[in-house]
Amino acid sequence: MIDIRKLKELVKLMVENDLSELDLRDEAETVVVKRTLAGQYQYAPAPGGHPMQMPGGHAPAYSPGAAAAGGGDSEADDDASLHAIVSPMVGTFYTAPDPESPAYVKVGSEVDADSVVCIVEAMKVFSEIKAECSGTIEKLLVKNGDAVEYGQKLFLVRLR
């Protein structure tokens, strides 16, 4: 069986390089990791083994149900009408380019498709994340410095 740390590194490598499948073989073991559109992974330890569903590289700092857990049904209904800006990679979420700078956006900020909303850092590479939509930031779902997963919701936007 493959070491879980090795598996996490393989998943991180896949996300960073936008790979959908990774197939590694040597004398001792065979590993096949496939990434689906939903950001889930399948891991097959060897031919004839059964793939198991597995989340991305790190333990999630956020669970999708946690954001709605504090509110009632009307809040959940409101959130359903909002557009989510999601993380395109596993990494660390930052609201500003450096600790002394103001946040790129806050609740109430107007954004367009080219607006930078945050930075996600992975392996010392800082990637600006753009809104890719036009509207108003309604909710910030992640705290500055939190670990984020591929496909995790970061912001909710009311579209124009």
Protein backbone atom coordinates (compact mmCIF):
# COMPACT_ATOMS: atom_id res chain seq x y z
CA MET A 1 0.00 0.00 0.00
CA ILE A 2 1.28 3.46 -0.88
CA ASP A 3 2.22 5.91 1.88
CA ILE A 4 -0.56 8.50 2.35
CA ARG A 5 2.02 11.33 2.27
CA LYS A 6 3.17 10.18 -1.17
CA LEU A 7 -0.44 10.02 -2.31
CA LYS A 8 -1.13 13.56 -1.06
CA GLU A 9 1.93 14.82 -2.95
CA LEU A 10 0.70 13.11 -6.12
CA VAL A 11 -2.72 14.75 -5.76
CA LYS A 12 -1.11 18.15 -5.16
CA LEU A 13 1.06 17.65 -8.26
CA MET A 14 -2.03 16.80 -10.32
CA VAL A 15 -3.89 19.93 -9.22
CA GLU A 16 -0.92 22.23 -9.79
CA ASN A 17 -0.37 20.88 -13.29
CA ASP A 18 -4.08 20.49 -14.15
CA LEU A 19 -3.73 16.75 -14.77
CA SER A 20 -6.78 14.50 -14.87
CA GLU A 21 -4.96 11.19 -14.52
CA LEU A 22 -1.64 9.98 -13.16
CA ASP A 23 -0.38 6.41 -13.69
CA LEU A 24 2.87 5.40 -11.95
CA ARG A 25 4.38 1.92 -12.06
CA ASP A 26 7.54 0.34 -10.74
CA GLU A 27 8.62 -3.16 -9.68
CA ALA A 28 6.99 -2.88 -6.24
CA GLU A 29 3.74 -1.03 -6.82
CA THR A 30 1.34 0.51 -9.30
CA VAL A 31 -0.60 3.68 -8.53
CA VAL A 32 -3.36 5.19 -10.66
CA VAL A 33 -4.93 8.47 -9.49
CA LYS A 34 -7.81 10.03 -11.47
CA ARG A 35 -9.33 13.45 -10.85
CA THR A 36 -12.99 14.00 -11.71
CA LEU A 37 -14.65 17.31 -12.56
CA ALA A 38 -16.08 17.61 -9.04
CA GLY A 39 -12.55 17.72 -7.60
CA GLN A 40 -12.72 14.23 -6.12
CA TYR A 41 -10.01 11.67 -6.65
CA GLN A 42 -9.94 7.96 -7.24
CA TYR A 43 -6.99 5.88 -6.10
CA ALA A 44 -6.38 2.35 -7.31
CA PRO A 45 -3.51 0.61 -5.51
CA ALA A 46 -2.95 -2.13 -8.10
CA PRO A 47 -4.62 -3.84 -11.03
CA GLY A 48 -7.64 -5.76 -9.79
CA GLY A 49 -7.94 -3.49 -6.73
CA HIS A 50 -11.06 -1.46 -6.17
CA PRO A 51 -10.74 2.34 -6.52
CA MET A 52 -11.73 4.33 -3.47
CA GLN A 53 -12.99 7.91 -3.38
CA MET A 54 -10.52 10.22 -1.71
CA PRO A 55 -10.44 13.99 -1.05
CA GLY A 56 -7.60 16.25 -2.24
CA GLY A 57 -4.16 16.90 -0.76
CA HIS A 58 -4.76 18.26 2.77
CA ALA A 59 -7.37 17.88 5.48
CA PRO A 60 -10.04 20.44 4.59
CA ALA A 61 -10.21 23.59 6.65
CA TYR A 62 -13.75 24.11 5.37
CA SER A 63 -16.65 21.81 4.82
CA PRO A 64 -19.46 22.85 2.47
CA GLY A 65 -22.11 22.20 5.12
CA ALA A 66 -20.34 24.35 7.71
CA ALA A 67 -21.17 27.65 6.00
CA ALA A 68 -24.90 26.99 6.13
CA ALA A 69 -24.92 25.28 9.54
CA GLY A 70 -25.38 28.51 11.48
CA GLY A 71 -28.29 29.83 9.42
CA GLY A 72 -31.87 28.81 8.75
CA ASP A 73 -33.43 27.53 5.58
CA SER A 74 -34.01 31.04 4.19
CA GLU A 75 -30.29 31.76 4.37
CA ALA A 76 -29.53 28.52 2.52
CA ASP A 77 -32.11 29.45 -0.13
CA ASP A 78 -30.47 32.88 -0.54
CA ASP A 79 -27.04 31.24 -0.95
CA ALA A 80 -28.40 28.92 -3.65
CA SER A 81 -29.10 31.94 -5.86
CA LEU A 82 -25.51 33.18 -5.54
CA HIS A 83 -22.58 32.31 -7.81
CA ALA A 84 -19.58 30.64 -6.11
CA ILE A 85 -15.99 31.58 -6.84
CA VAL A 86 -14.04 28.38 -6.21
CA SER A 87 -10.38 27.58 -5.65
CA PRO A 88 -8.69 26.23 -8.76
CA MET A 89 -6.04 24.46 -6.65
CA VAL A 90 -5.00 23.15 -3.26
CA GLY A 91 -3.12 25.75 -1.24
CA THR A 92 -3.26 28.54 1.33
CA PHE A 93 -5.85 31.31 0.90
CA TYR A 94 -4.82 34.97 1.29
CA THR A 95 -7.11 38.00 1.05
CA ALA A 96 -4.30 40.46 0.21
CA PRO A 97 -0.96 40.47 -1.62
CA ASP A 98 0.90 40.99 1.68
CA PRO A 99 0.02 41.49 5.36
CA GLU A 100 0.25 45.30 5.17
CA SER A 101 -2.01 45.67 2.12
CA PRO A 102 -5.80 45.94 2.20
CA ALA A 103 -7.85 42.94 1.08
CA TYR A 104 -8.52 42.63 -2.64
CA VAL A 105 -12.27 42.47 -1.95
CA LYS A 106 -14.66 42.47 0.98
CA VAL A 107 -18.39 41.91 1.38
CA GLY A 108 -20.10 44.53 -0.77
CA SER A 109 -17.22 44.92 -3.25
CA GLU A 110 -18.17 45.09 -6.92
CA VAL A 111 -16.20 42.71 -9.15
CA ASP A 112 -15.95 41.94 -12.83
CA ALA A 113 -14.43 39.01 -14.68
CA ASP A 114 -10.86 40.38 -14.42
CA SER A 115 -11.01 41.46 -10.75
CA VAL A 116 -8.46 39.72 -8.53
CA VAL A 117 -10.32 38.50 -5.43
CA CYS A 118 -7.57 36.64 -3.55
CA ILE A 119 -4.30 34.72 -3.78
CA VAL A 120 -3.81 30.98 -3.31
CA GLU A 121 -0.27 29.90 -2.47
CA ALA A 122 0.97 26.42 -3.26
CA MET A 123 4.61 25.41 -2.80
CA LYS A 124 5.80 29.05 -2.61
CA VAL A 125 3.99 29.98 -5.84
CA PHE A 126 1.36 32.70 -5.35
CA SER A 127 -1.49 32.57 -7.87
CA GLU A 128 -3.94 35.45 -8.23
CA ILE A 129 -7.54 34.21 -8.40
CA LYS A 130 -9.90 36.27 -10.55
CA ALA A 131 -13.66 36.57 -10.08
CA GLU A 132 -14.45 35.39 -13.63
CA CYS A 133 -17.93 36.89 -13.19
CA SER A 134 -19.52 40.31 -12.64
CA GLY A 135 -21.44 41.15 -9.50
CA THR A 136 -21.25 41.98 -5.79
CA ILE A 137 -19.36 39.95 -3.19
CA GLU A 138 -22.05 38.72 -0.76
CA LYS A 139 -20.08 36.29 1.42
CA LEU A 140 -16.49 35.39 2.20
CA LEU A 141 -16.42 31.67 3.06
CA VAL A 142 -12.74 31.24 4.00
CA LYS A 143 -10.52 32.96 6.55
CA ASN A 144 -7.20 34.54 5.63
CA GLY A 145 -4.43 31.93 5.96
CA ASP A 146 -6.76 28.90 5.79
CA ALA A 147 -5.87 25.85 3.73
CA VAL A 148 -8.21 25.41 0.75
CA GLU A 149 -9.01 22.48 -1.51
CA TYR A 150 -9.47 22.23 -5.25
CA GLY A 151 -13.06 23.25 -6.06
CA GLN A 152 -13.74 24.67 -2.58
CA LYS A 153 -16.06 27.68 -2.51
CA LEU A 154 -14.20 30.87 -1.50
CA PHE A 155 -16.74 33.63 -2.17
CA LEU A 156 -20.41 33.93 -3.03
CA VAL A 157 -21.30 36.60 -5.59
CA ARG A 158 -24.67 38.09 -6.49
CA LEU A 159 -24.44 38.28 -10.28
CA ARG A 160 -25.41 41.42 -12.17
